[in-house]
Amino acid sequence: LIELVCKKIKRADFRELANFLEEFKVHVDKGAGGWRDFARLRS
């Protein structure tokens, strides 16, 4: 799926992906206390 997405992704999509990754990092840095927000964001 990642390979397929990479073939079809556009520049705007990269920016949106970067925003998701930043938000993921915030929740990961919270450790166990950030798992609910991480799961919501993943969904």
PDB file of all heavy atoms in Angstrom:
ATOM      1  N   LEU A   1       0.830  -1.213   0.000  1.00  0.00           N
ATOM      2  CA  LEU A   1       0.000   0.000   0.000  1.00  0.00           C
ATOM      3  C   LEU A   1       0.861   1.259   0.000  1.00  0.00           C
ATOM      4  O   LEU A   1       0.562   2.223  -0.706  1.00  0.00           O
ATOM      5  CB  LEU A   1      -0.937   0.003   1.211  1.00  0.00           C
ATOM      6  CG  LEU A   1      -2.083  -0.990   1.164  1.00  0.00           C
ATOM      7  CD1 LEU A   1      -2.845  -0.995   2.487  1.00  0.00           C
ATOM      8  CD2 LEU A   1      -3.021  -0.682   0.018  1.00  0.00           C
ATOM      9  N   ILE A   2       1.920   1.228   0.777  1.00  0.00           N
ATOM     10  CA  ILE A   2       2.823   2.388   0.824  1.00  0.00           C
ATOM     11  C   ILE A   2       3.440   2.627  -0.548  1.00  0.00           C
ATOM     12  O   ILE A   2       3.540   3.760  -1.013  1.00  0.00           O
ATOM     13  CB  ILE A   2       3.900   2.201   1.915  1.00  0.00           C
ATOM     14  CG1 ILE A   2       3.247   2.330   3.292  1.00  0.00           C
ATOM     15  CG2 ILE A   2       5.033   3.210   1.746  1.00  0.00           C
ATOM     16  CD1 ILE A   2       4.135   1.943   4.447  1.00  0.00           C
ATOM     17  N   GLU A   3       3.841   1.557  -1.215  1.00  0.00           N
ATOM     18  CA  GLU A   3       4.407   1.689  -2.562  1.00  0.00           C
ATOM     19  C   GLU A   3       3.389   2.321  -3.508  1.00  0.00           C
ATOM     20  O   GLU A   3       3.719   3.226  -4.282  1.00  0.00           O
ATOM     21  CB  GLU A   3       4.835   0.321  -3.084  1.00  0.00           C
ATOM     22  CG  GLU A   3       5.474   0.375  -4.456  1.00  0.00           C
ATOM     23  CD  GLU A   3       5.892  -0.999  -4.948  1.00  0.00           C
ATOM     24  OE1 GLU A   3       5.866  -1.969  -4.175  1.00  0.00           O
ATOM     25  OE2 GLU A   3       6.247  -1.084  -6.136  1.00  0.00           O
ATOM     26  N   LEU A   4       2.154   1.875  -3.448  1.00  0.00           N
ATOM     27  CA  LEU A   4       1.094   2.423  -4.297  1.00  0.00           C
ATOM     28  C   LEU A   4       0.851   3.897  -3.988  1.00  0.00           C
ATOM     29  O   LEU A   4       0.730   4.719  -4.899  1.00  0.00           O
ATOM     30  CB  LEU A   4      -0.198   1.627  -4.102  1.00  0.00           C
ATOM     31  CG  LEU A   4      -1.399   2.041  -4.930  1.00  0.00           C
ATOM     32  CD1 LEU A   4      -1.107   1.868  -6.417  1.00  0.00           C
ATOM     33  CD2 LEU A   4      -2.616   1.209  -4.535  1.00  0.00           C
ATOM     34  N   VAL A   5       0.803   4.239  -2.711  1.00  0.00           N
ATOM     35  CA  VAL A   5       0.595   5.635  -2.310  1.00  0.00           C
ATOM     36  C   VAL A   5       1.736   6.505  -2.821  1.00  0.00           C
ATOM     37  O   VAL A   5       1.511   7.601  -3.345  1.00  0.00           O
ATOM     38  CB  VAL A   5       0.464   5.748  -0.776  1.00  0.00           C
ATOM     39  CG1 VAL A   5       0.582   7.189  -0.309  1.00  0.00           C
ATOM     40  CG2 VAL A   5      -0.865   5.153  -0.318  1.00  0.00           C
ATOM     41  N   CYS A   6       2.961   6.024  -2.694  1.00  0.00           N
ATOM     42  CA  CYS A   6       4.120   6.806  -3.136  1.00  0.00           C
ATOM     43  C   CYS A   6       4.076   7.087  -4.640  1.00  0.00           C
ATOM     44  O   CYS A   6       4.522   8.131  -5.094  1.00  0.00           O
ATOM     45  CB  CYS A   6       5.419   6.101  -2.762  1.00  0.00           C
ATOM     46  SG  CYS A   6       5.765   6.160  -0.990  1.00  0.00           S
ATOM     47  N   LYS A   7       3.522   6.164  -5.407  1.00  0.00           N
ATOM     48  CA  LYS A   7       3.414   6.372  -6.848  1.00  0.00           C
ATOM     49  C   LYS A   7       2.365   7.417  -7.198  1.00  0.00           C
ATOM     50  O   LYS A   7       2.443   8.057  -8.245  1.00  0.00           O
ATOM     51  CB  LYS A   7       3.078   5.055  -7.553  1.00  0.00           C
ATOM     52  CG  LYS A   7       4.217   4.067  -7.569  1.00  0.00           C
ATOM     53  CD  LYS A   7       3.814   2.767  -8.232  1.00  0.00           C
ATOM     54  CE  LYS A   7       4.973   1.783  -8.229  1.00  0.00           C
ATOM     55  NZ  LYS A   7       4.603   0.487  -8.781  1.00  0.00           N
ATOM     56  N   LYS A   8       1.368   7.609  -6.319  1.00  0.00           N
ATOM     57  CA  LYS A   8       0.247   8.493  -6.642  1.00  0.00           C
ATOM     58  C   LYS A   8       0.244   9.807  -5.851  1.00  0.00           C
ATOM     59  O   LYS A   8      -0.578  10.670  -6.108  1.00  0.00           O
ATOM     60  CB  LYS A   8      -1.071   7.765  -6.394  1.00  0.00           C
ATOM     61  CG  LYS A   8      -1.275   6.592  -7.314  1.00  0.00           C
ATOM     62  CD  LYS A   8      -2.627   5.974  -7.127  1.00  0.00           C
ATOM     63  CE  LYS A   8      -2.831   4.880  -8.158  1.00  0.00           C
ATOM     64  NZ  LYS A   8      -4.204   4.463  -8.253  1.00  0.00           N
ATOM     65  N   ILE A   9       1.160   9.953  -4.913  1.00  0.00           N
ATOM     66  CA  ILE A   9       1.125  11.099  -4.005  1.00  0.00           C
ATOM     67  C   ILE A   9       1.496  12.408  -4.710  1.00  0.00           C
ATOM     68  O   ILE A   9       2.302  12.421  -5.639  1.00  0.00           O
ATOM     69  CB  ILE A   9       2.035  10.823  -2.782  1.00  0.00           C
ATOM     70  CG1 ILE A   9       1.662  11.736  -1.630  1.00  0.00           C
ATOM     71  CG2 ILE A   9       3.495  10.941  -3.161  1.00  0.00           C
ATOM     72  CD1 ILE A   9       2.232  11.279  -0.296  1.00  0.00           C
ATOM     73  N   LYS A  10       0.897  13.493  -4.245  1.00  0.00           N
ATOM     74  CA  LYS A  10       1.169  14.837  -4.781  1.00  0.00           C
ATOM     75  C   LYS A  10       1.849  15.675  -3.702  1.00  0.00           C
ATOM     76  O   LYS A  10       1.843  15.322  -2.527  1.00  0.00           O
ATOM     77  CB  LYS A  10      -0.148  15.490  -5.205  1.00  0.00           C
ATOM     78  CG  LYS A  10      -0.848  14.720  -6.305  1.00  0.00           C
ATOM     79  CD  LYS A  10      -2.165  15.383  -6.671  1.00  0.00           C
ATOM     80  CE  LYS A  10      -2.796  14.588  -7.788  1.00  0.00           C
ATOM     81  NZ  LYS A  10      -4.111  14.147  -7.546  1.00  0.00           N
ATOM     82  N   ARG A  11       2.418  16.816  -4.112  1.00  0.00           N
ATOM     83  CA  ARG A  11       3.155  17.680  -3.180  1.00  0.00           C
ATOM     84  C   ARG A  11       2.292  18.075  -1.974  1.00  0.00           C
ATOM     85  O   ARG A  11       2.748  18.041  -0.830  1.00  0.00           O
ATOM     86  CB  ARG A  11       3.679  18.917  -3.895  1.00  0.00           C
ATOM     87  CG  ARG A  11       4.613  19.753  -3.033  1.00  0.00           C
ATOM     88  CD  ARG A  11       5.311  20.832  -3.812  1.00  0.00           C
ATOM     89  NE  ARG A  11       6.197  20.318  -4.834  1.00  0.00           N
ATOM     90  CZ  ARG A  11       7.447  19.880  -4.616  1.00  0.00           C
ATOM     91  NH1 ARG A  11       7.937  19.884  -3.401  1.00  0.00           N
ATOM     92  NH2 ARG A  11       8.190  19.443  -5.601  1.00  0.00           N
ATOM     93  N   ALA A  12       1.038  18.429  -2.187  1.00  0.00           N
ATOM     94  CA  ALA A  12       0.147  18.818  -1.085  1.00  0.00           C
ATOM     95  C   ALA A  12      -0.054  17.652  -0.123  1.00  0.00           C
ATOM     96  O   ALA A  12      -0.173  17.843   1.091  1.00  0.00           O
ATOM     97  CB  ALA A  12      -1.186  19.296  -1.632  1.00  0.00           C
ATOM     98  N   ASP A  13      -0.076  16.450  -0.675  1.00  0.00           N
ATOM     99  CA  ASP A  13      -0.229  15.264   0.166  1.00  0.00           C
ATOM    100  C   ASP A  13       0.979  15.077   1.073  1.00  0.00           C
ATOM    101  O   ASP A  13       0.849  14.642   2.217  1.00  0.00           O
ATOM    102  CB  ASP A  13      -0.420  14.019  -0.697  1.00  0.00           C
ATOM    103  CG  ASP A  13      -1.686  14.068  -1.533  1.00  0.00           C
ATOM    104  OD1 ASP A  13      -2.694  14.624  -1.049  1.00  0.00           O
ATOM    105  OD2 ASP A  13      -1.669  13.540  -2.663  1.00  0.00           O
ATOM    106  N   PHE A  14       2.188  15.418   0.570  1.00  0.00           N
ATOM    107  CA  PHE A  14       3.398  15.319   1.388  1.00  0.00           C
ATOM    108  C   PHE A  14       3.299  16.255   2.590  1.00  0.00           C
ATOM    109  O   PHE A  14       3.668  15.891   3.702  1.00  0.00           O
ATOM    110  CB  PHE A  14       4.656  15.660   0.573  1.00  0.00           C
ATOM    111  CG  PHE A  14       5.215  14.499  -0.195  1.00  0.00           C
ATOM    112  CD1 PHE A  14       5.214  14.511  -1.579  1.00  0.00           C
ATOM    113  CD2 PHE A  14       5.743  13.399   0.459  1.00  0.00           C
ATOM    114  CE1 PHE A  14       5.737  13.449  -2.295  1.00  0.00           C
ATOM    115  CE2 PHE A  14       6.265  12.326  -0.253  1.00  0.00           C
ATOM    116  CZ  PHE A  14       6.257  12.349  -1.633  1.00  0.00           C
ATOM    117  N   ARG A  15       2.784  17.475   2.364  1.00  0.00           N
ATOM    118  CA  ARG A  15       2.634  18.426   3.473  1.00  0.00           C
ATOM    119  C   ARG A  15       1.663  17.882   4.520  1.00  0.00           C
ATOM    120  O   ARG A  15       1.922  17.967   5.716  1.00  0.00           O
ATOM    121  CB  ARG A  15       2.169  19.786   2.950  1.00  0.00           C
ATOM    122  CG  ARG A  15       3.278  20.580   2.266  1.00  0.00           C
ATOM    123  CD  ARG A  15       2.858  22.017   1.993  1.00  0.00           C
ATOM    124  NE  ARG A  15       1.843  22.097   0.945  1.00  0.00           N
ATOM    125  CZ  ARG A  15       2.095  22.117  -0.364  1.00  0.00           C
ATOM    126  NH1 ARG A  15       3.334  22.080  -0.785  1.00  0.00           N
ATOM    127  NH2 ARG A  15       1.116  22.184  -1.239  1.00  0.00           N
ATOM    128  N   GLU A  16       0.548  17.306   4.059  1.00  0.00           N
ATOM    129  CA  GLU A  16      -0.427  16.744   4.989  1.00  0.00           C
ATOM    130  C   GLU A  16       0.176  15.565   5.756  1.00  0.00           C
ATOM    131  O   GLU A  16      -0.023  15.432   6.963  1.00  0.00           O
ATOM    132  CB  GLU A  16      -1.682  16.301   4.222  1.00  0.00           C
ATOM    133  CG  GLU A  16      -2.822  15.888   5.124  1.00  0.00           C
ATOM    134  CD  GLU A  16      -4.088  15.573   4.355  1.00  0.00           C
ATOM    135  OE1 GLU A  16      -4.107  15.649   3.114  1.00  0.00           O
ATOM    136  OE2 GLU A  16      -5.070  15.214   5.018  1.00  0.00           O
ATOM    137  N   LEU A  17       0.954  14.738   5.068  1.00  0.00           N
ATOM    138  CA  LEU A  17       1.622  13.615   5.715  1.00  0.00           C
ATOM    139  C   LEU A  17       2.612  14.113   6.766  1.00  0.00           C
ATOM    140  O   LEU A  17       2.675  13.579   7.879  1.00  0.00           O
ATOM    141  CB  LEU A  17       2.343  12.758   4.667  1.00  0.00           C
ATOM    142  CG  LEU A  17       3.107  11.545   5.177  1.00  0.00           C
ATOM    143  CD1 LEU A  17       2.188  10.582   5.923  1.00  0.00           C
ATOM    144  CD2 LEU A  17       3.791  10.830   4.013  1.00  0.00           C
ATOM    145  N   ALA A  18       3.354  15.160   6.442  1.00  0.00           N
ATOM    146  CA  ALA A  18       4.310  15.728   7.398  1.00  0.00           C
ATOM    147  C   ALA A  18       3.586  16.229   8.650  1.00  0.00           C
ATOM    148  O   ALA A  18       4.077  16.040   9.773  1.00  0.00           O
ATOM    149  CB  ALA A  18       5.094  16.859   6.745  1.00  0.00           C
ATOM    150  N   ASN A  19       2.418  16.841   8.464  1.00  0.00           N
ATOM    151  CA  ASN A  19       1.638  17.316   9.614  1.00  0.00           C
ATOM    152  C   ASN A  19       1.193  16.147  10.494  1.00  0.00           C
ATOM    153  O   ASN A  19       1.262  16.229  11.728  1.00  0.00           O
ATOM    154  CB  ASN A  19       0.418  18.115   9.155  1.00  0.00           C
ATOM    155  CG  ASN A  19       0.811  19.440   8.532  1.00  0.00           C
ATOM    156  OD1 ASN A  19       1.894  19.970   8.784  1.00  0.00           O
ATOM    157  ND2 ASN A  19      -0.061  19.985   7.707  1.00  0.00           N
ATOM    158  N   PHE A  20       0.743  15.064   9.866  1.00  0.00           N
ATOM    159  CA  PHE A  20       0.357  13.881  10.636  1.00  0.00           C
ATOM    160  C   PHE A  20       1.551  13.344  11.412  1.00  0.00           C
ATOM    161  O   PHE A  20       1.435  12.993  12.588  1.00  0.00           O
ATOM    162  CB  PHE A  20      -0.189  12.780   9.715  1.00  0.00           C
ATOM    163  CG  PHE A  20      -1.677  12.803   9.522  1.00  0.00           C
ATOM    164  CD1 PHE A  20      -2.223  13.138   8.296  1.00  0.00           C
ATOM    165  CD2 PHE A  20      -2.544  12.458  10.558  1.00  0.00           C
ATOM    166  CE1 PHE A  20      -3.596  13.146   8.106  1.00  0.00           C
ATOM    167  CE2 PHE A  20      -3.913  12.460  10.373  1.00  0.00           C
ATOM    168  CZ  PHE A  20      -4.444  12.800   9.141  1.00  0.00           C
ATOM    169  N   LEU A  21       2.704  13.263  10.756  1.00  0.00           N
ATOM    170  CA  LEU A  21       3.897  12.725  11.419  1.00  0.00           C
ATOM    171  C   LEU A  21       4.298  13.567  12.622  1.00  0.00           C
ATOM    172  O   LEU A  21       4.688  13.031  13.664  1.00  0.00           O
ATOM    173  CB  LEU A  21       5.048  12.608  10.426  1.00  0.00           C
ATOM    174  CG  LEU A  21       4.875  11.525   9.356  1.00  0.00           C
ATOM    175  CD1 LEU A  21       6.005  11.609   8.332  1.00  0.00           C
ATOM    176  CD2 LEU A  21       4.806  10.141   9.968  1.00  0.00           C
ATOM    177  N   GLU A  22       4.204  14.883  12.494  1.00  0.00           N
ATOM    178  CA  GLU A  22       4.519  15.771  13.628  1.00  0.00           C
ATOM    179  C   GLU A  22       3.571  15.513  14.795  1.00  0.00           C
ATOM    180  O   GLU A  22       3.987  15.456  15.953  1.00  0.00           O
ATOM    181  CB  GLU A  22       4.456  17.235  13.198  1.00  0.00           C
ATOM    182  CG  GLU A  22       5.643  17.687  12.378  1.00  0.00           C
ATOM    183  CD  GLU A  22       6.952  17.542  13.138  1.00  0.00           C
ATOM    184  OE1 GLU A  22       7.016  17.888  14.337  1.00  0.00           O
ATOM    185  OE2 GLU A  22       7.922  17.066  12.520  1.00  0.00           O
ATOM    186  N   GLU A  23       2.282  15.379  14.468  1.00  0.00           N
ATOM    187  CA  GLU A  23       1.306  15.121  15.527  1.00  0.00           C
ATOM    188  C   GLU A  23       1.522  13.736  16.148  1.00  0.00           C
ATOM    189  O   GLU A  23       1.390  13.564  17.353  1.00  0.00           O
ATOM    190  CB  GLU A  23      -0.121  15.269  14.996  1.00  0.00           C
ATOM    191  CG  GLU A  23      -1.143  15.405  16.110  1.00  0.00           C
ATOM    192  CD  GLU A  23      -2.525  15.790  15.614  1.00  0.00           C
ATOM    193  OE1 GLU A  23      -2.675  16.236  14.463  1.00  0.00           O
ATOM    194  OE2 GLU A  23      -3.474  15.620  16.415  1.00  0.00           O
ATOM    195  N   PHE A  24       1.868  12.745  15.318  1.00  0.00           N
ATOM    196  CA  PHE A  24       2.192  11.422  15.855  1.00  0.00           C
ATOM    197  C   PHE A  24       3.339  11.526  16.853  1.00  0.00           C
ATOM    198  O   PHE A  24       3.303  10.932  17.925  1.00  0.00           O
ATOM    199  CB  PHE A  24       2.589  10.447  14.732  1.00  0.00           C
ATOM    200  CG  PHE A  24       1.437   9.756  14.055  1.00  0.00           C
ATOM    201  CD1 PHE A  24       1.297   9.829  12.681  1.00  0.00           C
ATOM    202  CD2 PHE A  24       0.511   9.021  14.780  1.00  0.00           C
ATOM    203  CE1 PHE A  24       0.253   9.181  12.041  1.00  0.00           C
ATOM    204  CE2 PHE A  24      -0.540   8.358  14.144  1.00  0.00           C
ATOM    205  CZ  PHE A  24      -0.672   8.448  12.778  1.00  0.00           C
ATOM    206  N   LYS A  25       4.368  12.280  16.489  1.00  0.00           N
ATOM    207  CA  LYS A  25       5.548  12.423  17.351  1.00  0.00           C
ATOM    208  C   LYS A  25       5.171  13.014  18.704  1.00  0.00           C
ATOM    209  O   LYS A  25       5.657  12.563  19.742  1.00  0.00           O
ATOM    210  CB  LYS A  25       6.598  13.292  16.660  1.00  0.00           C
ATOM    211  CG  LYS A  25       7.903  13.380  17.418  1.00  0.00           C
ATOM    212  CD  LYS A  25       8.928  14.176  16.658  1.00  0.00           C
ATOM    213  CE  LYS A  25      10.242  14.313  17.342  1.00  0.00           C
ATOM    214  NZ  LYS A  25      10.326  14.179  18.755  1.00  0.00           N
ATOM    215  N   VAL A  26       4.281  14.001  18.711  1.00  0.00           N
ATOM    216  CA  VAL A  26       3.838  14.620  19.967  1.00  0.00           C
ATOM    217  C   VAL A  26       3.241  13.558  20.897  1.00  0.00           C
ATOM    218  O   VAL A  26       3.550  13.506  22.085  1.00  0.00           O
ATOM    219  CB  VAL A  26       2.809  15.745  19.684  1.00  0.00           C
ATOM    220  CG1 VAL A  26       2.104  16.198  20.966  1.00  0.00           C
ATOM    221  CG2 VAL A  26       3.491  16.921  19.002  1.00  0.00           C
ATOM    222  N   HIS A  27       2.394  12.708  20.348  1.00  0.00           N
ATOM    223  CA  HIS A  27       1.731  11.682  21.165  1.00  0.00           C
ATOM    224  C   HIS A  27       2.700  10.580  21.587  1.00  0.00           C
ATOM    225  O   HIS A  27       2.604  10.069  22.704  1.00  0.00           O
ATOM    226  CB  HIS A  27       0.527  11.104  20.426  1.00  0.00           C
ATOM    227  CG  HIS A  27      -0.508  12.126  20.104  1.00  0.00           C
ATOM    228  ND1 HIS A  27      -1.057  12.974  21.042  1.00  0.00           N
ATOM    229  CD2 HIS A  27      -1.092  12.458  18.924  1.00  0.00           C
ATOM    230  CE1 HIS A  27      -1.934  13.768  20.468  1.00  0.00           C
ATOM    231  NE2 HIS A  27      -1.967  13.487  19.169  1.00  0.00           N
ATOM    232  N   VAL A  28       3.632  10.219  20.718  1.00  0.00           N
ATOM    233  CA  VAL A  28       4.635   9.212  21.070  1.00  0.00           C
ATOM    234  C   VAL A  28       5.515   9.732  22.202  1.00  0.00           C
ATOM    235  O   VAL A  28       5.837   9.000  23.144  1.00  0.00           O
ATOM    236  CB  VAL A  28       5.497   8.839  19.841  1.00  0.00           C
ATOM    237  CG1 VAL A  28       6.722   8.033  20.245  1.00  0.00           C
ATOM    238  CG2 VAL A  28       4.656   8.057  18.832  1.00  0.00           C
ATOM    239  N   ASP A  29       5.887  11.000  22.147  1.00  0.00           N
ATOM    240  CA  ASP A  29       6.733  11.592  23.186  1.00  0.00           C
ATOM    241  C   ASP A  29       6.057  11.612  24.556  1.00  0.00           C
ATOM    242  O   ASP A  29       6.722  11.675  25.585  1.00  0.00           O
ATOM    243  CB  ASP A  29       7.153  13.013  22.791  1.00  0.00           C
ATOM    244  CG  ASP A  29       8.155  13.019  21.642  1.00  0.00           C
ATOM    245  OD1 ASP A  29       8.731  11.949  21.343  1.00  0.00           O
ATOM    246  OD2 ASP A  29       8.350  14.092  21.023  1.00  0.00           O
ATOM    247  N   LYS A  30       4.727  11.550  24.575  1.00  0.00           N
ATOM    248  CA  LYS A  30       3.985  11.508  25.844  1.00  0.00           C
ATOM    249  C   LYS A  30       4.077  10.134  26.496  1.00  0.00           C
ATOM    250  O   LYS A  30       3.680   9.962  27.640  1.00  0.00           O
ATOM    251  CB  LYS A  30       2.510  11.839  25.617  1.00  0.00           C
ATOM    252  CG  LYS A  30       2.246  13.274  25.254  1.00  0.00           C
ATOM    253  CD  LYS A  30       0.745  13.473  25.039  1.00  0.00           C
ATOM    254  CE  LYS A  30       0.438  14.861  24.539  1.00  0.00           C
ATOM    255  NZ  LYS A  30      -1.011  14.997  24.226  1.00  0.00           N
ATOM    256  N   GLY A  31       4.572   9.149  25.760  1.00  0.00           N
ATOM    257  CA  GLY A  31       4.666   7.793  26.296  1.00  0.00           C
ATOM    258  C   GLY A  31       3.294   7.164  26.425  1.00  0.00           C
ATOM    259  O   GLY A  31       2.394   7.413  25.631  1.00  0.00           O
ATOM    260  N   ALA A  32       3.134   6.349  27.481  1.00  0.00           N
ATOM    261  CA  ALA A  32       1.881   5.622  27.675  1.00  0.00           C
ATOM    262  C   ALA A  32       0.686   6.563  27.812  1.00  0.00           C
ATOM    263  O   ALA A  32      -0.432   6.209  27.454  1.00  0.00           O
ATOM    264  CB  ALA A  32       1.980   4.720  28.898  1.00  0.00           C
ATOM    265  N   GLY A  33       0.925   7.777  28.302  1.00  0.00           N
ATOM    266  CA  GLY A  33      -0.165   8.746  28.475  1.00  0.00           C
ATOM    267  C   GLY A  33      -0.732   9.274  27.159  1.00  0.00           C
ATOM    268  O   GLY A  33      -1.817   9.847  27.142  1.00  0.00           O
ATOM    269  N   GLY A  34      -0.010   9.060  26.060  1.00  0.00           N
ATOM    270  CA  GLY A  34      -0.478   9.585  24.783  1.00  0.00           C
ATOM    271  C   GLY A  34      -1.086   8.544  23.866  1.00  0.00           C
ATOM    272  O   GLY A  34      -1.421   8.837  22.717  1.00  0.00           O
ATOM    273  N   TRP A  35      -1.279   7.330  24.374  1.00  0.00           N
ATOM    274  CA  TRP A  35      -1.718   6.249  23.488  1.00  0.00           C
ATOM    275  C   TRP A  35      -3.123   6.447  22.944  1.00  0.00           C
ATOM    276  O   TRP A  35      -3.398   6.120  21.796  1.00  0.00           O
ATOM    277  CB  TRP A  35      -1.558   4.890  24.154  1.00  0.00           C
ATOM    278  CG  TRP A  35      -2.626   4.521  25.148  1.00  0.00           C
ATOM    279  CD1 TRP A  35      -2.605   4.738  26.479  1.00  0.00           C
ATOM    280  CD2 TRP A  35      -3.859   3.867  24.863  1.00  0.00           C
ATOM    281  NE1 TRP A  35      -3.752   4.276  27.055  1.00  0.00           N
ATOM    282  CE2 TRP A  35      -4.553   3.724  26.079  1.00  0.00           C
ATOM    283  CE3 TRP A  35      -4.460   3.387  23.703  1.00  0.00           C
ATOM    284  CZ2 TRP A  35      -5.793   3.135  26.189  1.00  0.00           C
ATOM    285  CZ3 TRP A  35      -5.706   2.795  23.801  1.00  0.00           C
ATOM    286  CH2 TRP A  35      -6.365   2.668  25.025  1.00  0.00           C
ATOM    287  N   ARG A  36      -4.044   6.999  23.747  1.00  0.00           N
ATOM    288  CA  ARG A  36      -5.416   7.199  23.245  1.00  0.00           C
ATOM    289  C   ARG A  36      -5.434   8.216  22.103  1.00  0.00           C
ATOM    290  O   ARG A  36      -6.091   8.005  21.089  1.00  0.00           O
ATOM    291  CB  ARG A  36      -6.339   7.657  24.355  1.00  0.00           C
ATOM    292  CG  ARG A  36      -6.718   6.577  25.329  1.00  0.00           C
ATOM    293  CD  ARG A  36      -7.701   7.113  26.372  1.00  0.00           C
ATOM    294  NE  ARG A  36      -7.769   6.229  27.497  1.00  0.00           N
ATOM    295  CZ  ARG A  36      -8.680   5.278  27.632  1.00  0.00           C
ATOM    296  NH1 ARG A  36      -9.574   5.100  26.708  1.00  0.00           N
ATOM    297  NH2 ARG A  36      -8.679   4.504  28.697  1.00  0.00           N
ATOM    298  N   ASP A  37      -4.726   9.320  22.283  1.00  0.00           N
ATOM    299  CA  ASP A  37      -4.668  10.328  21.219  1.00  0.00           C
ATOM    300  C   ASP A  37      -3.951   9.779  19.982  1.00  0.00           C
ATOM    301  O   ASP A  37      -4.326  10.075  18.851  1.00  0.00           O
ATOM    302  CB  ASP A  37      -3.962  11.597  21.716  1.00  0.00           C
ATOM    303  CG  ASP A  37      -4.795  12.348  22.754  1.00  0.00           C
ATOM    304  OD1 ASP A  37      -6.040  12.279  22.665  1.00  0.00           O
ATOM    305  OD2 ASP A  37      -4.203  12.986  23.638  1.00  0.00           O
ATOM    306  N   PHE A  38      -2.921   8.971  20.225  1.00  0.00           N
ATOM    307  CA  PHE A  38      -2.203   8.343  19.121  1.00  0.00           C
ATOM    308  C   PHE A  38      -3.146   7.435  18.333  1.00  0.00           C
ATOM    309  O   PHE A  38      -3.187   7.473  17.097  1.00  0.00           O
ATOM    310  CB  PHE A  38      -1.006   7.536  19.643  1.00  0.00           C
ATOM    311  CG  PHE A  38      -0.191   6.896  18.556  1.00  0.00           C
ATOM    312  CD1 PHE A  38       0.884   7.570  17.998  1.00  0.00           C
ATOM    313  CD2 PHE A  38      -0.498   5.623  18.090  1.00  0.00           C
ATOM    314  CE1 PHE A  38       1.651   6.985  16.989  1.00  0.00           C
ATOM    315  CE2 PHE A  38       0.250   5.028  17.078  1.00  0.00           C
ATOM    316  CZ  PHE A  38       1.327   5.711  16.535  1.00  0.00           C
ATOM    317  N   ALA A  39      -3.927   6.613  19.033  1.00  0.00           N
ATOM    318  CA  ALA A  39      -4.867   5.690  18.380  1.00  0.00           C
ATOM    319  C   ALA A  39      -5.923   6.464  17.601  1.00  0.00           C
ATOM    320  O   ALA A  39      -6.285   6.084  16.474  1.00  0.00           O
ATOM    321  CB  ALA A  39      -5.520   4.786  19.416  1.00  0.00           C
ATOM    322  N   ARG A  40      -6.433   7.556  18.153  1.00  0.00           N
ATOM    323  CA  ARG A  40      -7.416   8.388  17.455  1.00  0.00           C
ATOM    324  C   ARG A  40      -6.811   8.974  16.194  1.00  0.00           C
ATOM    325  O   ARG A  40      -7.408   8.924  15.120  1.00  0.00           O
ATOM    326  CB  ARG A  40      -7.918   9.519  18.359  1.00  0.00           C
ATOM    327  CG  ARG A  40      -8.902  10.463  17.679  1.00  0.00           C
ATOM    328  CD  ARG A  40      -9.048  11.799  18.404  1.00  0.00           C
ATOM    329  NE  ARG A  40      -7.794  12.434  18.772  1.00  0.00           N
ATOM    330  CZ  ARG A  40      -7.007  13.121  17.954  1.00  0.00           C
ATOM    331  NH1 ARG A  40      -7.320  13.246  16.687  1.00  0.00           N
ATOM    332  NH2 ARG A  40      -5.893  13.685  18.386  1.00  0.00           N
ATOM    333  N   LEU A  41      -5.591   9.500  16.314  1.00  0.00           N
ATOM    334  CA  LEU A  41      -4.916  10.093  15.166  1.00  0.00           C
ATOM    335  C   LEU A  41      -4.642   9.027  14.099  1.00  0.00           C
ATOM    336  O   LEU A  41      -4.807   9.294  12.902  1.00  0.00           O
ATOM    337  CB  LEU A  41      -3.606  10.758  15.602  1.00  0.00           C
ATOM    338  CG  LEU A  41      -2.824  11.456  14.496  1.00  0.00           C
ATOM    339  CD1 LEU A  41      -3.635  12.596  13.891  1.00  0.00           C
ATOM    340  CD2 LEU A  41      -1.499  11.960  15.038  1.00  0.00           C
ATOM    341  N   ARG A  42      -4.245   7.849  14.517  1.00  0.00           N
ATOM    342  CA  ARG A  42      -3.993   6.774  13.557  1.00  0.00           C
ATOM    343  C   ARG A  42      -5.263   6.436  12.783  1.00  0.00           C
ATOM    344  O   ARG A  42      -5.234   6.233  11.566  1.00  0.00           O
ATOM    345  CB  ARG A  42      -3.466   5.532  14.264  1.00  0.00           C
ATOM    346  CG  ARG A  42      -3.200   4.417  13.297  1.00  0.00           C
ATOM    347  CD  ARG A  42      -2.589   3.228  13.937  1.00  0.00           C
ATOM    348  NE  ARG A  42      -2.409   2.212  12.902  1.00  0.00           N
ATOM    349  CZ  ARG A  42      -2.324   0.934  13.129  1.00  0.00           C
ATOM    350  NH1 ARG A  42      -2.371   0.503  14.373  1.00  0.00           N
ATOM    351  NH2 ARG A  42      -2.184   0.090  12.153  1.00  0.00           N
ATOM    352  N   SER A  43      -6.366   6.401  13.485  1.00  0.00           N
ATOM    353  CA  SER A  43      -7.655   6.129  12.824  1.00  0.00           C
ATOM    354  C   SER A  43      -7.975   7.230  11.824  1.00  0.00           C
ATOM    355  O   SER A  43      -8.395   6.956  10.683  1.00  0.00           O
ATOM    356  CB  SER A  43      -8.752   6.024  13.892  1.00  0.00           C
ATOM    357  OG  SER A  43      -9.995   5.793  13.289  1.00  0.00           O
TER     358      SER A  43
END
